[in-house]
């Protein structure tokens, strides 16, 4: 039974879902904002906020853990070097989700997720 299992699976198994979130997180960190479906944006938000919170401490173990999760050195460097000073005094809420028009082909609800 699925009692108290609140993970958003997005109709994917574990491996493809982790790869999806990894790619979305790298894109968001490198570009600052991305356009995706509303469900993916809502599922990505807590994951990216944890990464930014963890990136605020500039230790070697933090850098290694972020490299293990993201597997992209440029994204980790940007997260620690540029985003950390920007959100140093902020206790949370680093991203915002803006709802957009539905996608034309399949009428999927679209959203833009960006850093505040």
C-alpha atoms as a PDB file:
ATOM      1  CA  UNK A   1       0.000   0.000   0.000  1.00  0.00           C
ATOM      2  CA  UNK A   2       1.085   3.583  -0.614  1.00  0.00           C
ATOM      3  CA  UNK A   3       0.160   5.081   2.740  1.00  0.00           C
ATOM      4  CA  UNK A   4       2.190   8.180   3.620  1.00  0.00           C
ATOM      5  CA  UNK A   5       4.365   7.889   0.512  1.00  0.00           C
ATOM      6  CA  UNK A   6       4.283  11.407  -0.825  1.00  0.00           C
ATOM      7  CA  UNK A   7       7.026  11.282  -3.455  1.00  0.00           C
ATOM      8  CA  UNK A   8       6.068  12.588  -6.890  1.00  0.00           C
ATOM      9  CA  UNK A   9       6.945   9.766  -9.258  1.00  0.00           C
ATOM     10  CA  UNK A  10       5.942  11.587 -12.470  1.00  0.00           C
ATOM     11  CA  UNK A  11       5.126   8.172 -13.981  1.00  0.00           C
ATOM     12  CA  UNK A  12       8.814   7.216 -14.034  1.00  0.00           C
ATOM     13  CA  UNK A  13      10.934   4.618 -12.341  1.00  0.00           C
ATOM     14  CA  UNK A  14      13.684   5.668  -9.955  1.00  0.00           C
ATOM     15  CA  UNK A  15      16.617   5.894 -12.375  1.00  0.00           C
ATOM     16  CA  UNK A  16      14.930   7.968 -15.082  1.00  0.00           C
ATOM     17  CA  UNK A  17      13.331  10.202 -12.431  1.00  0.00           C
ATOM     18  CA  UNK A  18      16.696  10.922 -10.778  1.00  0.00           C
ATOM     19  CA  UNK A  19      18.236  11.666 -14.179  1.00  0.00           C
ATOM     20  CA  UNK A  20      15.345  14.024 -14.997  1.00  0.00           C
ATOM     21  CA  UNK A  21      15.752  15.953 -11.751  1.00  0.00           C
ATOM     22  CA  UNK A  22      19.528  16.080 -12.196  1.00  0.00           C
ATOM     23  CA  UNK A  23      19.170  17.574 -15.675  1.00  0.00           C
ATOM     24  CA  UNK A  24      16.523  20.059 -14.563  1.00  0.00           C
ATOM     25  CA  UNK A  25      18.617  21.131 -11.574  1.00  0.00           C
ATOM     26  CA  UNK A  26      21.747  21.644 -13.690  1.00  0.00           C
ATOM     27  CA  UNK A  27      19.767  23.678 -16.229  1.00  0.00           C
ATOM     28  CA  UNK A  28      18.175  25.827 -13.533  1.00  0.00           C
ATOM     29  CA  UNK A  29      21.481  26.521 -11.804  1.00  0.00           C
ATOM     30  CA  UNK A  30      23.317  27.348 -15.027  1.00  0.00           C
ATOM     31  CA  UNK A  31      20.577  29.451 -16.660  1.00  0.00           C
ATOM     32  CA  UNK A  32      18.773  30.951 -13.682  1.00  0.00           C
ATOM     33  CA  UNK A  33      15.304  30.040 -14.955  1.00  0.00           C
ATOM     34  CA  UNK A  34      13.765  27.262 -17.012  1.00  0.00           C
ATOM     35  CA  UNK A  35      10.393  26.530 -18.523  1.00  0.00           C
ATOM     36  CA  UNK A  36       8.914  23.097 -17.814  1.00  0.00           C
ATOM     37  CA  UNK A  37       5.611  21.481 -16.906  1.00  0.00           C
ATOM     38  CA  UNK A  38       3.941  22.543 -13.684  1.00  0.00           C
ATOM     39  CA  UNK A  39       4.219  19.081 -12.127  1.00  0.00           C
ATOM     40  CA  UNK A  40       7.965  18.882 -12.815  1.00  0.00           C
ATOM     41  CA  UNK A  41       8.502  22.406 -11.460  1.00  0.00           C
ATOM     42  CA  UNK A  42       6.641  21.603  -8.246  1.00  0.00           C
ATOM     43  CA  UNK A  43       8.604  18.384  -7.809  1.00  0.00           C
ATOM     44  CA  UNK A  44      11.933  20.116  -8.544  1.00  0.00           C
ATOM     45  CA  UNK A  45      11.452  22.987  -6.102  1.00  0.00           C
ATOM     46  CA  UNK A  46      12.224  21.158  -2.812  1.00  0.00           C
ATOM     47  CA  UNK A  47      15.201  19.390  -4.350  1.00  0.00           C
ATOM     48  CA  UNK A  48      16.810  22.592  -5.660  1.00  0.00           C
ATOM     49  CA  UNK A  49      16.141  24.419  -2.388  1.00  0.00           C
ATOM     50  CA  UNK A  50      17.981  21.685  -0.467  1.00  0.00           C
ATOM     51  CA  UNK A  51      20.918  21.984  -2.863  1.00  0.00           C
ATOM     52  CA  UNK A  52      21.112  25.771  -2.410  1.00  0.00           C
ATOM     53  CA  UNK A  53      20.869  25.439   1.367  1.00  0.00           C
ATOM     54  CA  UNK A  54      23.626  22.867   1.366  1.00  0.00           C
ATOM     55  CA  UNK A  55      25.737  25.004  -0.978  1.00  0.00           C
ATOM     56  CA  UNK A  56      25.705  27.840   1.527  1.00  0.00           C
ATOM     57  CA  UNK A  57      28.345  26.069   3.609  1.00  0.00           C
ATOM     58  CA  UNK A  58      31.603  26.194   1.681  1.00  0.00           C
ATOM     59  CA  UNK A  59      33.259  23.025   2.914  1.00  0.00           C
ATOM     60  CA  UNK A  60      35.028  20.378   0.897  1.00  0.00           C
ATOM     61  CA  UNK A  61      32.552  17.715   1.961  1.00  0.00           C
ATOM     62  CA  UNK A  62      29.677  19.897   0.770  1.00  0.00           C
ATOM     63  CA  UNK A  63      31.339  20.404  -2.604  1.00  0.00           C
ATOM     64  CA  UNK A  64      31.911  16.652  -2.954  1.00  0.00           C
ATOM     65  CA  UNK A  65      28.323  15.862  -2.012  1.00  0.00           C
ATOM     66  CA  UNK A  66      26.990  18.384  -4.541  1.00  0.00           C
ATOM     67  CA  UNK A  67      29.286  16.913  -7.204  1.00  0.00           C
ATOM     68  CA  UNK A  68      27.933  13.477  -6.380  1.00  0.00           C
ATOM     69  CA  UNK A  69      24.335  14.669  -6.809  1.00  0.00           C
ATOM     70  CA  UNK A  70      24.727  16.983  -9.820  1.00  0.00           C
ATOM     71  CA  UNK A  71      27.734  15.385 -11.555  1.00  0.00           C
ATOM     72  CA  UNK A  72      28.542  18.751 -13.163  1.00  0.00           C
ATOM     73  CA  UNK A  73      31.471  20.799 -11.892  1.00  0.00           C
ATOM     74  CA  UNK A  74      30.409  24.053 -13.575  1.00  0.00           C
ATOM     75  CA  UNK A  75      26.992  23.916 -11.911  1.00  0.00           C
ATOM     76  CA  UNK A  76      28.512  23.196  -8.504  1.00  0.00           C
ATOM     77  CA  UNK A  77      31.011  26.055  -8.891  1.00  0.00           C
ATOM     78  CA  UNK A  78      28.233  28.457  -9.850  1.00  0.00           C
ATOM     79  CA  UNK A  79      26.074  27.239  -6.980  1.00  0.00           C
ATOM     80  CA  UNK A  80      28.803  27.825  -4.420  1.00  0.00           C
ATOM     81  CA  UNK A  81      30.472  30.919  -5.917  1.00  0.00           C
ATOM     82  CA  UNK A  82      27.525  32.955  -7.235  1.00  0.00           C
ATOM     83  CA  UNK A  83      24.340  31.762  -5.564  1.00  0.00           C
ATOM     84  CA  UNK A  84      25.736  31.328  -2.050  1.00  0.00           C
ATOM     85  CA  UNK A  85      26.530  35.041  -1.468  1.00  0.00           C
ATOM     86  CA  UNK A  86      23.203  36.027  -2.979  1.00  0.00           C
ATOM     87  CA  UNK A  87      21.195  33.902  -0.534  1.00  0.00           C
ATOM     88  CA  UNK A  88      23.512  34.034   2.497  1.00  0.00           C
ATOM     89  CA  UNK A  89      21.052  35.897   4.709  1.00  0.00           C
ATOM     90  CA  UNK A  90      17.896  34.305   3.353  1.00  0.00           C
ATOM     91  CA  UNK A  91      16.419  31.454   5.440  1.00  0.00           C
ATOM     92  CA  UNK A  92      14.758  29.693   2.484  1.00  0.00           C
ATOM     93  CA  UNK A  93      12.442  30.249  -0.451  1.00  0.00           C
ATOM     94  CA  UNK A  94      15.088  30.620  -3.135  1.00  0.00           C
ATOM     95  CA  UNK A  95      12.842  29.790  -6.103  1.00  0.00           C
ATOM     96  CA  UNK A  96       9.562  30.985  -7.522  1.00  0.00           C
ATOM     97  CA  UNK A  97       7.159  29.192  -9.847  1.00  0.00           C
ATOM     98  CA  UNK A  98       5.227  31.272 -12.375  1.00  0.00           C
ATOM     99  CA  UNK A  99       2.363  29.599 -14.181  1.00  0.00           C
ATOM    100  CA  UNK A 100       2.270  30.086 -17.945  1.00  0.00           C
ATOM    101  CA  UNK A 101       0.014  29.243 -20.872  1.00  0.00           C
ATOM    102  CA  UNK A 102      -0.761  25.627 -21.630  1.00  0.00           C
ATOM    103  CA  UNK A 103       1.459  23.873 -24.134  1.00  0.00           C
ATOM    104  CA  UNK A 104      -0.098  23.923 -27.567  1.00  0.00           C
ATOM    105  CA  UNK A 105       0.430  20.294 -28.560  1.00  0.00           C
ATOM    106  CA  UNK A 106      -0.975  18.421 -25.575  1.00  0.00           C
ATOM    107  CA  UNK A 107      -2.418  21.216 -23.371  1.00  0.00           C
ATOM    108  CA  UNK A 108       0.009  20.414 -20.556  1.00  0.00           C
ATOM    109  CA  UNK A 109       0.130  23.039 -17.814  1.00  0.00           C
ATOM    110  CA  UNK A 110       3.439  24.886 -18.151  1.00  0.00           C
ATOM    111  CA  UNK A 111       5.383  26.874 -15.589  1.00  0.00           C
ATOM    112  CA  UNK A 112       8.609  28.821 -15.286  1.00  0.00           C
ATOM    113  CA  UNK A 113      10.778  28.130 -12.269  1.00  0.00           C
ATOM    114  CA  UNK A 114      13.434  30.719 -11.457  1.00  0.00           C
ATOM    115  CA  UNK A 115      15.627  31.914  -8.652  1.00  0.00           C
ATOM    116  CA  UNK A 116      14.272  34.842  -6.655  1.00  0.00           C
END
